[in-house]
Structures are given as structure tokens and as C-alpha cells.
Amino acid sequence: MHVKKGDKVIVIAGKDKGKSSVVTSVLREKNRVVLEGVNMMKKHVKAKKAGEKGGIVEVPMSMDASNVKLAEKIEKKKKVTTKK
């Protein structure tokens, strides 16, 4: 896997293409990553106890690791091309 928890990445494919984020967790068995604030889905939550509120909450879902690229590599590439 080319990314690990805490890496800054840029999404290169999908509905959030172009957004940058930080990796919050890595699912190695499935080759997927969970990013902070990217690929958000709405989940309906039922109240567990009396007095608690249920509702709709947004939760980050995993995305395939091939859809992200390390931001450091992209920044280094930009610096090299501007020096010429």
C-alpha cells in the first residue's frame, strides 16, 4: 500500500476528484482508505435509549487506494518543472 495513516493525499478519481485530505485509517485487506471529510455518506441513526435523538448523520466511507495520490509527490513534481 502506498499510503498510511496520517499521510496527506489528493483524490485523483471519483466524485471528490481534486480534493485534498488526510488518511484517517487504512484497510489493507480490502486495499481501501478512509479520508477525513471526503466521500461522505448520510446514515440514518435510530435512537438507542429514551431521551436520545436519532437522525441523519454524515459518515466518511472508504474508497479504493488507487483513487488517491500522495500530495508530497505532486508538490515535488511541480517544483521540479518550475525550476527548468
N, C-alpha and C. Protein backbone atom coordinates (compact mmCIF):
# COMPACT_ATOMS: atom_id res chain seq x y z
N MET A 1 0.85 -1.17 0.00
CA MET A 1 0.00 0.00 0.00
C MET A 1 0.90 1.24 0.00
N HIS A 2 0.58 2.20 -0.83
CA HIS A 2 1.44 3.38 -1.00
C HIS A 2 1.11 4.51 -0.03
N VAL A 3 0.05 4.37 0.77
CA VAL A 3 -0.29 5.40 1.75
C VAL A 3 -0.44 4.76 3.12
N LYS A 4 -0.31 5.57 4.17
CA LYS A 4 -0.50 5.09 5.52
C LYS A 4 -1.25 6.16 6.31
N LYS A 5 -1.66 5.80 7.51
CA LYS A 5 -2.44 6.70 8.36
C LYS A 5 -1.65 7.97 8.62
N GLY A 6 -2.30 9.12 8.43
CA GLY A 6 -1.66 10.41 8.67
C GLY A 6 -1.08 11.07 7.44
N ASP A 7 -0.99 10.35 6.32
CA ASP A 7 -0.47 10.93 5.08
C ASP A 7 -1.45 11.94 4.49
N LYS A 8 -0.91 12.99 3.88
CA LYS A 8 -1.75 13.95 3.16
C LYS A 8 -1.84 13.48 1.71
N VAL A 9 -3.08 13.33 1.22
CA VAL A 9 -3.30 12.81 -0.12
C VAL A 9 -4.25 13.70 -0.90
N ILE A 10 -4.26 13.50 -2.22
CA ILE A 10 -5.17 14.18 -3.12
C ILE A 10 -5.97 13.12 -3.86
N VAL A 11 -7.29 13.30 -3.95
CA VAL A 11 -8.17 12.36 -4.64
C VAL A 11 -8.02 12.60 -6.13
N ILE A 12 -7.73 11.54 -6.90
CA ILE A 12 -7.50 11.68 -8.34
C ILE A 12 -8.63 11.10 -9.19
N ALA A 13 -9.63 10.46 -8.54
CA ALA A 13 -10.75 9.90 -9.29
C ALA A 13 -11.98 9.85 -8.39
N GLY A 14 -13.15 9.93 -9.02
CA GLY A 14 -14.39 9.83 -8.26
C GLY A 14 -15.08 11.17 -8.10
N LYS A 15 -16.13 11.19 -7.29
CA LYS A 15 -16.94 12.40 -7.14
C LYS A 15 -16.22 13.52 -6.40
N ASP A 16 -15.20 13.19 -5.62
CA ASP A 16 -14.45 14.19 -4.86
C ASP A 16 -13.08 14.48 -5.50
N LYS A 17 -12.96 14.29 -6.79
CA LYS A 17 -11.70 14.47 -7.50
C LYS A 17 -11.15 15.88 -7.28
N GLY A 18 -9.86 15.96 -6.95
CA GLY A 18 -9.20 17.24 -6.75
C GLY A 18 -9.13 17.68 -5.30
N LYS A 19 -9.90 17.07 -4.43
CA LYS A 19 -9.88 17.45 -3.01
C LYS A 19 -8.66 16.84 -2.32
N SER A 20 -8.12 17.58 -1.35
CA SER A 20 -7.01 17.03 -0.57
C SER A 20 -7.51 16.74 0.84
N SER A 21 -6.92 15.74 1.48
CA SER A 21 -7.36 15.31 2.79
C SER A 21 -6.26 14.52 3.47
N VAL A 22 -6.55 14.06 4.68
CA VAL A 22 -5.61 13.26 5.47
C VAL A 22 -6.21 11.87 5.66
N VAL A 23 -5.38 10.85 5.56
CA VAL A 23 -5.82 9.47 5.73
C VAL A 23 -6.08 9.22 7.21
N THR A 24 -7.32 8.80 7.55
CA THR A 24 -7.66 8.52 8.95
C THR A 24 -7.49 7.04 9.28
N SER A 25 -7.72 6.15 8.31
CA SER A 25 -7.48 4.73 8.54
C SER A 25 -7.24 4.02 7.21
N VAL A 26 -6.56 2.87 7.31
CA VAL A 26 -6.21 2.08 6.13
C VAL A 26 -6.76 0.67 6.32
N LEU A 27 -7.46 0.14 5.33
CA LEU A 27 -7.98 -1.22 5.34
C LEU A 27 -7.14 -2.04 4.36
N ARG A 28 -6.07 -2.61 4.84
CA ARG A 28 -5.10 -3.30 3.97
C ARG A 28 -5.70 -4.51 3.26
N GLU A 29 -6.56 -5.27 3.94
CA GLU A 29 -7.12 -6.49 3.34
C GLU A 29 -7.96 -6.17 2.10
N LYS A 30 -8.64 -5.02 2.13
CA LYS A 30 -9.52 -4.64 1.04
C LYS A 30 -8.91 -3.60 0.11
N ASN A 31 -7.68 -3.14 0.41
CA ASN A 31 -6.98 -2.13 -0.38
C ASN A 31 -7.80 -0.83 -0.45
N ARG A 32 -8.30 -0.39 0.71
CA ARG A 32 -9.13 0.80 0.78
C ARG A 32 -8.60 1.74 1.86
N VAL A 33 -8.94 3.02 1.73
CA VAL A 33 -8.56 4.02 2.72
C VAL A 33 -9.77 4.87 3.09
N VAL A 34 -9.76 5.40 4.32
CA VAL A 34 -10.80 6.32 4.77
C VAL A 34 -10.14 7.68 4.94
N LEU A 35 -10.73 8.70 4.30
CA LEU A 35 -10.17 10.05 4.33
C LEU A 35 -11.05 10.97 5.17
N GLU A 36 -10.42 11.97 5.75
CA GLU A 36 -11.12 12.92 6.60
C GLU A 36 -11.93 13.91 5.75
N GLY A 37 -13.25 13.88 5.88
CA GLY A 37 -14.11 14.84 5.19
C GLY A 37 -14.33 14.59 3.71
N VAL A 38 -13.92 13.44 3.21
CA VAL A 38 -14.09 13.12 1.79
C VAL A 38 -14.90 11.83 1.68
N ASN A 39 -15.71 11.73 0.62
CA ASN A 39 -16.56 10.55 0.37
C ASN A 39 -17.56 10.37 1.51
N MET A 40 -18.22 11.46 1.88
CA MET A 40 -19.18 11.45 2.98
C MET A 40 -20.53 10.88 2.51
N MET A 41 -21.11 10.01 3.32
CA MET A 41 -22.42 9.43 3.05
C MET A 41 -23.33 9.70 4.24
N LYS A 42 -24.62 9.83 3.96
CA LYS A 42 -25.58 10.06 5.03
C LYS A 42 -26.07 8.72 5.57
N LYS A 43 -26.10 8.62 6.90
CA LYS A 43 -26.52 7.39 7.56
C LYS A 43 -27.66 7.71 8.51
N HIS A 44 -28.72 6.91 8.47
CA HIS A 44 -29.86 7.10 9.35
C HIS A 44 -29.59 6.37 10.66
N VAL A 45 -29.67 7.11 11.77
CA VAL A 45 -29.36 6.55 13.08
C VAL A 45 -30.62 6.56 13.93
N LYS A 46 -30.91 5.42 14.52
CA LYS A 46 -32.08 5.29 15.37
C LYS A 46 -31.68 5.59 16.81
N ALA A 47 -32.56 6.21 17.58
CA ALA A 47 -32.31 6.49 18.98
C ALA A 47 -32.22 5.17 19.75
N LYS A 48 -31.15 4.96 20.50
CA LYS A 48 -30.96 3.71 21.23
C LYS A 48 -31.74 3.69 22.55
N LYS A 49 -31.73 4.79 23.27
CA LYS A 49 -32.39 4.86 24.58
C LYS A 49 -33.44 5.98 24.55
N ALA A 50 -34.30 5.96 25.53
CA ALA A 50 -35.28 7.04 25.67
C ALA A 50 -34.53 8.32 26.00
N GLY A 51 -34.87 9.40 25.33
CA GLY A 51 -34.18 10.67 25.57
C GLY A 51 -33.10 10.96 24.55
N GLU A 52 -32.56 9.95 23.90
CA GLU A 52 -31.55 10.17 22.85
C GLU A 52 -32.25 10.58 21.57
N LYS A 53 -31.50 11.29 20.75
CA LYS A 53 -32.06 11.72 19.47
C LYS A 53 -31.53 10.84 18.35
N GLY A 54 -32.41 10.47 17.47
CA GLY A 54 -32.00 9.80 16.25
C GLY A 54 -31.89 10.85 15.17
N GLY A 55 -31.53 10.45 13.99
CA GLY A 55 -31.46 11.42 12.91
C GLY A 55 -30.56 10.95 11.79
N ILE A 56 -30.16 11.90 10.99
CA ILE A 56 -29.29 11.60 9.85
C ILE A 56 -27.93 12.22 10.13
N VAL A 57 -26.90 11.39 10.10
CA VAL A 57 -25.53 11.87 10.33
C VAL A 57 -24.68 11.56 9.10
N GLU A 58 -23.66 12.37 8.87
CA GLU A 58 -22.74 12.12 7.77
C GLU A 58 -21.52 11.36 8.27
N VAL A 59 -21.18 10.28 7.57
CA VAL A 59 -20.07 9.43 7.96
C VAL A 59 -19.12 9.28 6.77
N PRO A 60 -17.80 9.35 7.01
CA PRO A 60 -16.87 9.12 5.89
C PRO A 60 -16.82 7.64 5.53
N MET A 61 -16.94 7.33 4.25
CA MET A 61 -16.87 5.95 3.77
C MET A 61 -15.50 5.70 3.15
N SER A 62 -15.15 4.44 3.03
CA SER A 62 -13.84 4.11 2.47
C SER A 62 -13.87 4.25 0.95
N MET A 63 -12.68 4.45 0.37
CA MET A 63 -12.56 4.49 -1.08
C MET A 63 -11.31 3.69 -1.46
N ASP A 64 -11.27 3.27 -2.69
CA ASP A 64 -10.15 2.46 -3.15
C ASP A 64 -8.85 3.25 -3.09
N ALA A 65 -7.79 2.60 -2.68
CA ALA A 65 -6.50 3.27 -2.51
C ALA A 65 -5.92 3.75 -3.83
N SER A 66 -6.37 3.16 -4.95
CA SER A 66 -5.85 3.59 -6.25
C SER A 66 -6.43 4.94 -6.67
N ASN A 67 -7.44 5.43 -5.96
CA ASN A 67 -8.06 6.71 -6.28
C ASN A 67 -7.41 7.89 -5.56
N VAL A 68 -6.35 7.63 -4.80
CA VAL A 68 -5.66 8.71 -4.10
C VAL A 68 -4.18 8.70 -4.45
N LYS A 69 -3.57 9.87 -4.32
CA LYS A 69 -2.15 10.02 -4.61
C LYS A 69 -1.53 10.88 -3.52
N LEU A 70 -0.32 10.54 -3.10
CA LEU A 70 0.35 11.33 -2.07
C LEU A 70 0.55 12.76 -2.54
N ALA A 71 0.22 13.71 -1.69
CA ALA A 71 0.34 15.13 -2.05
C ALA A 71 1.80 15.55 -2.16
N GLU A 72 2.68 14.91 -1.41
CA GLU A 72 4.11 15.26 -1.44
C GLU A 72 4.71 15.00 -2.82
N LYS A 73 4.32 13.89 -3.44
CA LYS A 73 4.85 13.57 -4.77
C LYS A 73 4.41 14.61 -5.80
N ILE A 74 3.18 15.06 -5.70
CA ILE A 74 2.67 16.05 -6.64
C ILE A 74 3.37 17.39 -6.44
N GLU A 75 3.60 17.78 -5.18
CA GLU A 75 4.29 19.04 -4.89
C GLU A 75 5.73 19.00 -5.38
N LYS A 76 6.41 17.87 -5.20
CA LYS A 76 7.79 17.74 -5.66
C LYS A 76 7.86 17.85 -7.18
N LYS A 77 6.88 17.24 -7.87
CA LYS A 77 6.86 17.28 -9.32
C LYS A 77 6.67 18.71 -9.82
N LYS A 78 5.81 19.49 -9.14
CA LYS A 78 5.59 20.88 -9.53
C LYS A 78 6.85 21.70 -9.35
N LYS A 79 7.59 21.47 -8.26
CA LYS A 79 8.82 22.21 -8.00
C LYS A 79 9.88 21.91 -9.07
N VAL A 80 9.97 20.66 -9.48
CA VAL A 80 10.96 20.27 -10.49
C VAL A 80 10.65 20.93 -11.83
N THR A 81 9.39 20.96 -12.20
CA THR A 81 9.03 21.54 -13.50
C THR A 81 9.19 23.07 -13.52
N THR A 82 9.04 23.72 -12.37
CA THR A 82 9.18 25.19 -12.33
C THR A 82 10.64 25.61 -12.33
N LYS A 83 11.58 24.75 -11.94
CA LYS A 83 12.99 25.10 -11.92
C LYS A 83 13.58 25.18 -13.32
N LYS A 84 13.05 24.44 -14.27
CA LYS A 84 13.61 24.40 -15.62
C LYS A 84 13.39 25.68 -16.37
